[in-house]
PDB file of N, CA and C in Angstrom:
ATOM      1  N   UNK A   1     106.539 113.303 117.676  1.00  0.00           N
ATOM      2  CA  UNK A   1     106.427 113.255 116.119  1.00  0.00           C
ATOM      3  C   UNK A   1     104.890 113.740 115.862  1.00  0.00           C
ATOM      4  N   UNK A   2     104.762 114.694 115.024  1.00  0.00           N
ATOM      5  CA  UNK A   2     103.538 115.096 114.548  1.00  0.00           C
ATOM      6  C   UNK A   2     103.457 114.630 112.895  1.00  0.00           C
ATOM      7  N   UNK A   3     102.296 114.043 112.669  1.00  0.00           N
ATOM      8  CA  UNK A   3     102.044 113.640 111.281  1.00  0.00           C
ATOM      9  C   UNK A   3     100.852 114.289 110.667  1.00  0.00           C
ATOM     10  N   UNK A   4     101.040 114.618 109.445  1.00  0.00           N
ATOM     11  CA  UNK A   4     100.090 115.326 108.654  1.00  0.00           C
ATOM     12  C   UNK A   4      99.423 114.311 107.640  1.00  0.00           C
ATOM     13  N   UNK A   5      98.118 114.474 107.759  1.00  0.00           N
ATOM     14  CA  UNK A   5      97.352 113.491 106.921  1.00  0.00           C
ATOM     15  C   UNK A   5      97.660 113.626 105.502  1.00  0.00           C
ATOM     16  N   UNK A   6      97.885 114.779 105.027  1.00  0.00           N
ATOM     17  CA  UNK A   6      98.112 115.063 103.522  1.00  0.00           C
ATOM     18  C   UNK A   6      99.607 114.370 103.167  1.00  0.00           C
ATOM     19  N   UNK A   7     100.513 114.401 104.020  1.00  0.00           N
ATOM     20  CA  UNK A   7     101.874 113.833 103.857  1.00  0.00           C
ATOM     21  C   UNK A   7     101.680 112.358 103.594  1.00  0.00           C
ATOM     22  N   UNK A   8     100.986 111.877 104.557  1.00  0.00           N
ATOM     23  CA  UNK A   8     100.775 110.294 104.644  1.00  0.00           C
ATOM     24  C   UNK A   8     100.035 109.838 103.426  1.00  0.00           C
ATOM     25  N   UNK A   9      98.799 110.829 103.045  1.00  0.00           N
ATOM     26  CA  UNK A   9      98.068 110.207 101.966  1.00  0.00           C
ATOM     27  C   UNK A   9      98.827 110.223 100.669  1.00  0.00           C
ATOM     28  N   UNK A  10      99.808 111.053 100.379  1.00  0.00           N
ATOM     29  CA  UNK A  10     100.586 111.266  99.220  1.00  0.00           C
ATOM     30  C   UNK A  10     101.681 110.022  99.247  1.00  0.00           C
ATOM     31  N   UNK A  11     102.188 109.704 100.404  1.00  0.00           N
ATOM     32  CA  UNK A  11     103.070 108.706 100.307  1.00  0.00           C
ATOM     33  C   UNK A  11     102.514 107.168 100.037  1.00  0.00           C
ATOM     34  N   UNK A  12     101.154 107.099 100.597  1.00  0.00           N
ATOM     35  CA  UNK A  12     100.482 105.810 100.276  1.00  0.00           C
ATOM     36  C   UNK A  12     100.059 105.896  98.871  1.00  0.00           C
ATOM     37  N   UNK A  13      99.609 107.029  98.197  1.00  0.00           N
ATOM     38  CA  UNK A  13      99.271 107.110  96.791  1.00  0.00           C
ATOM     39  C   UNK A  13     100.380 106.665  95.984  1.00  0.00           C
ATOM     40  N   UNK A  14     101.565 107.087  96.443  1.00  0.00           N
ATOM     41  CA  UNK A  14     102.788 106.650  95.515  1.00  0.00           C
ATOM     42  C   UNK A  14     103.119 105.388  95.739  1.00  0.00           C
ATOM     43  N   UNK A  15     102.636 104.758  96.695  1.00  0.00           N
ATOM     44  CA  UNK A  15     102.913 103.225  96.708  1.00  0.00           C
ATOM     45  C   UNK A  15     104.153 102.844  97.583  1.00  0.00           C
ATOM     46  N   UNK A  16     104.758 103.840  98.199  1.00  0.00           N
ATOM     47  CA  UNK A  16     105.768 103.650  99.039  1.00  0.00           C
ATOM     48  C   UNK A  16     105.496 103.428 100.561  1.00  0.00           C
ATOM     49  N   UNK A  17     104.912 102.308 100.700  1.00  0.00           N
ATOM     50  CA  UNK A  17     104.474 102.139 102.047  1.00  0.00           C
ATOM     51  C   UNK A  17     105.691 101.571 102.956  1.00  0.00           C
ATOM     52  N   UNK A  18     106.614 100.837 102.565  1.00  0.00           N
ATOM     53  CA  UNK A  18     107.563 100.436 103.398  1.00  0.00           C
ATOM     54  C   UNK A  18     108.763 101.447 103.695  1.00  0.00           C
ATOM     55  N   UNK A  19     108.581 102.637 103.173  1.00  0.00           N
ATOM     56  CA  UNK A  19     109.571 103.773 103.525  1.00  0.00           C
ATOM     57  C   UNK A  19     108.889 104.939 103.925  1.00  0.00           C
ATOM     58  N   UNK A  20     107.813 104.876 104.688  1.00  0.00           N
ATOM     59  CA  UNK A  20     107.116 106.124 105.065  1.00  0.00           C
ATOM     60  C   UNK A  20     107.907 106.670 106.307  1.00  0.00           C
ATOM     61  N   UNK A  21     108.597 107.456 106.323  1.00  0.00           N
ATOM     62  CA  UNK A  21     109.405 108.033 107.432  1.00  0.00           C
ATOM     63  C   UNK A  21     108.785 109.476 107.930  1.00  0.00           C
ATOM     64  N   UNK A  22     109.179 109.675 109.148  1.00  0.00           N
ATOM     65  CA  UNK A  22     108.861 110.941 109.720  1.00  0.00           C
ATOM     66  C   UNK A  22     109.135 112.267 108.904  1.00  0.00           C
ATOM     67  N   UNK A  23     108.187 113.062 108.659  1.00  0.00           N
ATOM     68  CA  UNK A  23     108.271 114.256 107.802  1.00  0.00           C
ATOM     69  C   UNK A  23     109.200 115.198 108.261  1.00  0.00           C
ATOM     70  N   UNK A  24     109.632 115.129 109.481  1.00  0.00           N
ATOM     71  CA  UNK A  24     110.541 116.242 110.105  1.00  0.00           C
ATOM     72  C   UNK A  24     112.044 116.344 109.428  1.00  0.00           C
ATOM     73  N   UNK A  25     112.708 117.351 109.343  1.00  0.00           N
ATOM     74  CA  UNK A  25     113.886 117.509 108.762  1.00  0.00           C
ATOM     75  C   UNK A  25     114.898 116.555 109.437  1.00  0.00           C
ATOM     76  N   UNK A  26     115.557 115.907 108.653  1.00  0.00           N
ATOM     77  CA  UNK A  26     116.549 114.899 109.301  1.00  0.00           C
ATOM     78  C   UNK A  26     116.127 113.750 110.014  1.00  0.00           C
ATOM     79  N   UNK A  27     114.840 113.551 109.992  1.00  0.00           N
ATOM     80  CA  UNK A  27     114.158 112.395 110.608  1.00  0.00           C
ATOM     81  C   UNK A  27     114.018 111.279 109.961  1.00  0.00           C
ATOM     82  N   UNK A  28     114.640 110.210 110.233  1.00  0.00           N
ATOM     83  CA  UNK A  28     114.586 108.990 109.401  1.00  0.00           C
ATOM     84  C   UNK A  28     113.796 107.784 110.146  1.00  0.00           C
ATOM     85  N   UNK A  29     112.952 108.218 111.008  1.00  0.00           N
ATOM     86  CA  UNK A  29     112.169 107.158 111.765  1.00  0.00           C
ATOM     87  C   UNK A  29     110.980 106.737 111.159  1.00  0.00           C
ATOM     88  N   UNK A  30     110.747 105.460 110.821  1.00  0.00           N
ATOM     89  CA  UNK A  30     109.660 104.978 110.216  1.00  0.00           C
ATOM     90  C   UNK A  30     108.236 105.233 110.843  1.00  0.00           C
ATOM     91  N   UNK A  31     107.308 105.686 110.090  1.00  0.00           N
ATOM     92  CA  UNK A  31     106.037 105.848 111.006  1.00  0.00           C
ATOM     93  C   UNK A  31     105.396 104.451 111.123  1.00  0.00           C
ATOM     94  N   UNK A  32     104.965 104.311 112.458  1.00  0.00           N
ATOM     95  CA  UNK A  32     104.319 103.085 112.839  1.00  0.00           C
ATOM     96  C   UNK A  32     103.047 102.919 112.200  1.00  0.00           C
ATOM     97  N   UNK A  33     102.600 101.669 111.857  1.00  0.00           N
ATOM     98  CA  UNK A  33     101.266 101.329 111.113  1.00  0.00           C
ATOM     99  C   UNK A  33     100.064 101.974 111.980  1.00  0.00           C
ATOM    100  N   UNK A  34     100.287 101.906 113.250  1.00  0.00           N
ATOM    101  CA  UNK A  34      99.104 102.338 114.195  1.00  0.00           C
ATOM    102  C   UNK A  34      98.983 103.780 113.810  1.00  0.00           C
ATOM    103  N   UNK A  35     100.071 104.525 113.744  1.00  0.00           N
ATOM    104  CA  UNK A  35      99.962 105.978 113.584  1.00  0.00           C
ATOM    105  C   UNK A  35      99.332 106.263 112.364  1.00  0.00           C
ATOM    106  N   UNK A  36      99.709 105.536 111.139  1.00  0.00           N
ATOM    107  CA  UNK A  36      99.160 105.812 109.930  1.00  0.00           C
ATOM    108  C   UNK A  36      97.610 105.627 109.880  1.00  0.00           C
ATOM    109  N   UNK A  37      97.200 104.239 110.530  1.00  0.00           N
ATOM    110  CA  UNK A  37      95.860 103.992 110.576  1.00  0.00           C
ATOM    111  C   UNK A  37      95.006 105.100 111.376  1.00  0.00           C
ATOM    112  N   UNK A  38      95.623 105.754 112.275  1.00  0.00           N
ATOM    113  CA  UNK A  38      94.783 106.495 113.119  1.00  0.00           C
ATOM    114  C   UNK A  38      94.838 108.007 112.530  1.00  0.00           C
ATOM    115  N   UNK A  39      95.675 108.147 111.691  1.00  0.00           N
ATOM    116  CA  UNK A  39      95.647 109.588 111.025  1.00  0.00           C
ATOM    117  C   UNK A  39      94.871 109.706 109.582  1.00  0.00           C
ATOM    118  N   UNK A  40      95.045 108.601 108.759  1.00  0.00           N
ATOM    119  CA  UNK A  40      94.302 108.782 107.502  1.00  0.00           C
ATOM    120  C   UNK A  40      92.871 108.257 107.539  1.00  0.00           C
ATOM    121  N   UNK A  41      92.235 108.394 106.569  1.00  0.00           N
ATOM    122  CA  UNK A  41      90.833 107.872 106.473  1.00  0.00           C
ATOM    123  C   UNK A  41      90.817 106.379 106.386  1.00  0.00           C
ATOM    124  N   UNK A  42      89.706 105.723 106.645  1.00  0.00           N
ATOM    125  CA  UNK A  42      89.576 104.328 106.538  1.00  0.00           C
ATOM    126  C   UNK A  42      89.819 103.750 105.298  1.00  0.00           C
ATOM    127  N   UNK A  43      89.366 104.437 104.228  1.00  0.00           N
ATOM    128  CA  UNK A  43      89.806 103.973 102.930  1.00  0.00           C
ATOM    129  C   UNK A  43      91.234 104.090 102.590  1.00  0.00           C
ATOM    130  N   UNK A  44      91.966 105.196 102.902  1.00  0.00           N
ATOM    131  CA  UNK A  44      93.323 105.358 102.622  1.00  0.00           C
ATOM    132  C   UNK A  44      94.085 104.220 103.430  1.00  0.00           C
ATOM    133  N   UNK A  45      93.715 103.907 104.732  1.00  0.00           N
ATOM    134  CA  UNK A  45      94.342 102.979 105.547  1.00  0.00           C
ATOM    135  C   UNK A  45      94.302 101.704 104.803  1.00  0.00           C
ATOM    136  N   UNK A  46      93.038 101.289 104.479  1.00  0.00           N
ATOM    137  CA  UNK A  46      92.849 100.067 103.667  1.00  0.00           C
ATOM    138  C   UNK A  46      93.859  99.942 102.374  1.00  0.00           C
ATOM    139  N   UNK A  47      93.905 100.948 101.811  1.00  0.00           N
ATOM    140  CA  UNK A  47      94.845 101.091 100.426  1.00  0.00           C
ATOM    141  C   UNK A  47      96.364 100.809 100.943  1.00  0.00           C
ATOM    142  N   UNK A  48      96.689 101.532 102.129  1.00  0.00           N
ATOM    143  CA  UNK A  48      97.892 101.267 102.620  1.00  0.00           C
ATOM    144  C   UNK A  48      98.182  99.735 102.950  1.00  0.00           C
ATOM    145  N   UNK A  49      97.318  99.093 103.654  1.00  0.00           N
ATOM    146  CA  UNK A  49      97.399  97.736 104.030  1.00  0.00           C
ATOM    147  C   UNK A  49      97.607  96.860 102.706  1.00  0.00           C
ATOM    148  N   UNK A  50      96.709  97.283 101.696  1.00  0.00           N
ATOM    149  CA  UNK A  50      96.770  96.410 100.400  1.00  0.00           C
ATOM    150  C   UNK A  50      98.061  96.442  99.913  1.00  0.00           C
ATOM    151  N   UNK A  51      98.589  97.763  99.704  1.00  0.00           N
ATOM    152  CA  UNK A  51     100.113  97.965  99.188  1.00  0.00           C
ATOM    153  C   UNK A  51     101.044  97.205 100.018  1.00  0.00           C
ATOM    154  N   UNK A  52     100.969  97.181 101.367  1.00  0.00           N
ATOM    155  CA  UNK A  52     101.940  96.469 102.270  1.00  0.00           C
ATOM    156  C   UNK A  52     101.763  94.998 102.094  1.00  0.00           C
ATOM    157  N   UNK A  53     100.559  94.507 101.944  1.00  0.00           N
ATOM    158  CA  UNK A  53     100.559  92.884 101.732  1.00  0.00           C
ATOM    159  C   UNK A  53     101.199  92.591 100.335  1.00  0.00           C
ATOM    160  N   UNK A  54     100.909  93.380  99.422  1.00  0.00           N
ATOM    161  CA  UNK A  54     101.474  93.107  98.052  1.00  0.00           C
ATOM    162  C   UNK A  54     102.983  93.141  98.155  1.00  0.00           C
ATOM    163  N   UNK A  55     103.651  94.224  98.601  1.00  0.00           N
ATOM    164  CA  UNK A  55     105.039  94.333  98.735  1.00  0.00           C
ATOM    165  C   UNK A  55     105.481  93.263  99.514  1.00  0.00           C
ATOM    166  N   UNK A  56     104.937  92.745 100.647  1.00  0.00           N
ATOM    167  CA  UNK A  56     105.414  91.648 101.520  1.00  0.00           C
ATOM    168  C   UNK A  56     105.354  90.483 100.727  1.00  0.00           C
ATOM    169  N   UNK A  57     104.409  90.152 100.157  1.00  0.00           N
ATOM    170  CA  UNK A  57     104.224  88.880  99.318  1.00  0.00           C
ATOM    171  C   UNK A  57     105.225  88.726  98.225  1.00  0.00           C
ATOM    172  N   UNK A  58     105.407  89.893  97.407  1.00  0.00           N
ATOM    173  CA  UNK A  58     106.465  89.953  96.373  1.00  0.00           C
ATOM    174  C   UNK A  58     107.761  89.728  97.081  1.00  0.00           C
ATOM    175  N   UNK A  59     108.172  90.212  98.073  1.00  0.00           N
ATOM    176  CA  UNK A  59     109.456  90.200  98.579  1.00  0.00           C
ATOM    177  C   UNK A  59     109.762  88.675  99.066  1.00  0.00           C
ATOM    178  N   UNK A  60     108.835  87.835  99.304  1.00  0.00           N
ATOM    179  CA  UNK A  60     109.046  86.469  99.486  1.00  0.00           C
ATOM    180  C   UNK A  60     108.795  85.557  98.363  1.00  0.00           C
ATOM    181  N   UNK A  61     108.508  86.192  97.275  1.00  0.00           N
ATOM    182  CA  UNK A  61     108.507  85.365  96.085  1.00  0.00           C
ATOM    183  C   UNK A  61     107.077  84.997  95.611  1.00  0.00           C
ATOM    184  N   UNK A  62     106.053  85.464  96.427  1.00  0.00           N
ATOM    185  CA  UNK A  62     104.782  85.224  95.869  1.00  0.00           C
ATOM    186  C   UNK A  62     104.047  86.361  95.142  1.00  0.00           C
ATOM    187  N   UNK A  63     103.516  86.110  94.162  1.00  0.00           N
ATOM    188  CA  UNK A  63     102.945  87.307  93.340  1.00  0.00           C
ATOM    189  C   UNK A  63     101.488  87.095  92.804  1.00  0.00           C
ATOM    190  N   UNK A  64     100.749  88.158  93.089  1.00  0.00           N
ATOM    191  CA  UNK A  64      99.416  88.112  92.750  1.00  0.00           C
ATOM    192  C   UNK A  64      99.200  88.323  91.253  1.00  0.00           C
ATOM    193  N   UNK A  65     100.262  88.941  90.581  1.00  0.00           N
ATOM    194  CA  UNK A  65     100.261  89.170  89.102  1.00  0.00           C
ATOM    195  C   UNK A  65     101.649  89.159  88.702  1.00  0.00           C
ATOM    196  N   UNK A  66     101.761  89.473  87.441  1.00  0.00           N
ATOM    197  CA  UNK A  66     103.162  89.559  86.924  1.00  0.00           C
ATOM    198  C   UNK A  66     103.891  90.787  87.023  1.00  0.00           C
ATOM    199  N   UNK A  67     103.189  91.882  87.789  1.00  0.00           N
ATOM    200  CA  UNK A  67     103.883  93.034  87.899  1.00  0.00           C
ATOM    201  C   UNK A  67     104.389  93.307  89.262  1.00  0.00           C
ATOM    202  N   UNK A  68     105.139  92.311  89.846  1.00  0.00           N
ATOM    203  CA  UNK A  68     105.505  92.156  91.136  1.00  0.00           C
ATOM    204  C   UNK A  68     106.953  92.980  91.174  1.00  0.00           C
ATOM    205  N   UNK A  69     106.868  94.102  91.748  1.00  0.00           N
ATOM    206  CA  UNK A  69     108.032  94.993  91.827  1.00  0.00           C
ATOM    207  C   UNK A  69     108.281  95.242  93.319  1.00  0.00           C
ATOM    208  N   UNK A  70     109.507  95.070  93.750  1.00  0.00           N
ATOM    209  CA  UNK A  70     109.815  95.220  95.121  1.00  0.00           C
ATOM    210  C   UNK A  70     111.024  96.488  95.082  1.00  0.00           C
TER     211      UNK A  70
END
């Protein structure tokens, strides 16, 4: 699997951190966190992790704010 930094950056900026899949045609394999962290910048990796934490907390019923959308 080859991952492009721009693809991962767009997915992270969109906030869809739980469904980042391989960009290959017909590929539905989720991109591992380790790959994301090794390809994107440190700031973008931090943003990814913040989205991931927020989505995880919202999914178990804990909300940092009233805009908890899963």
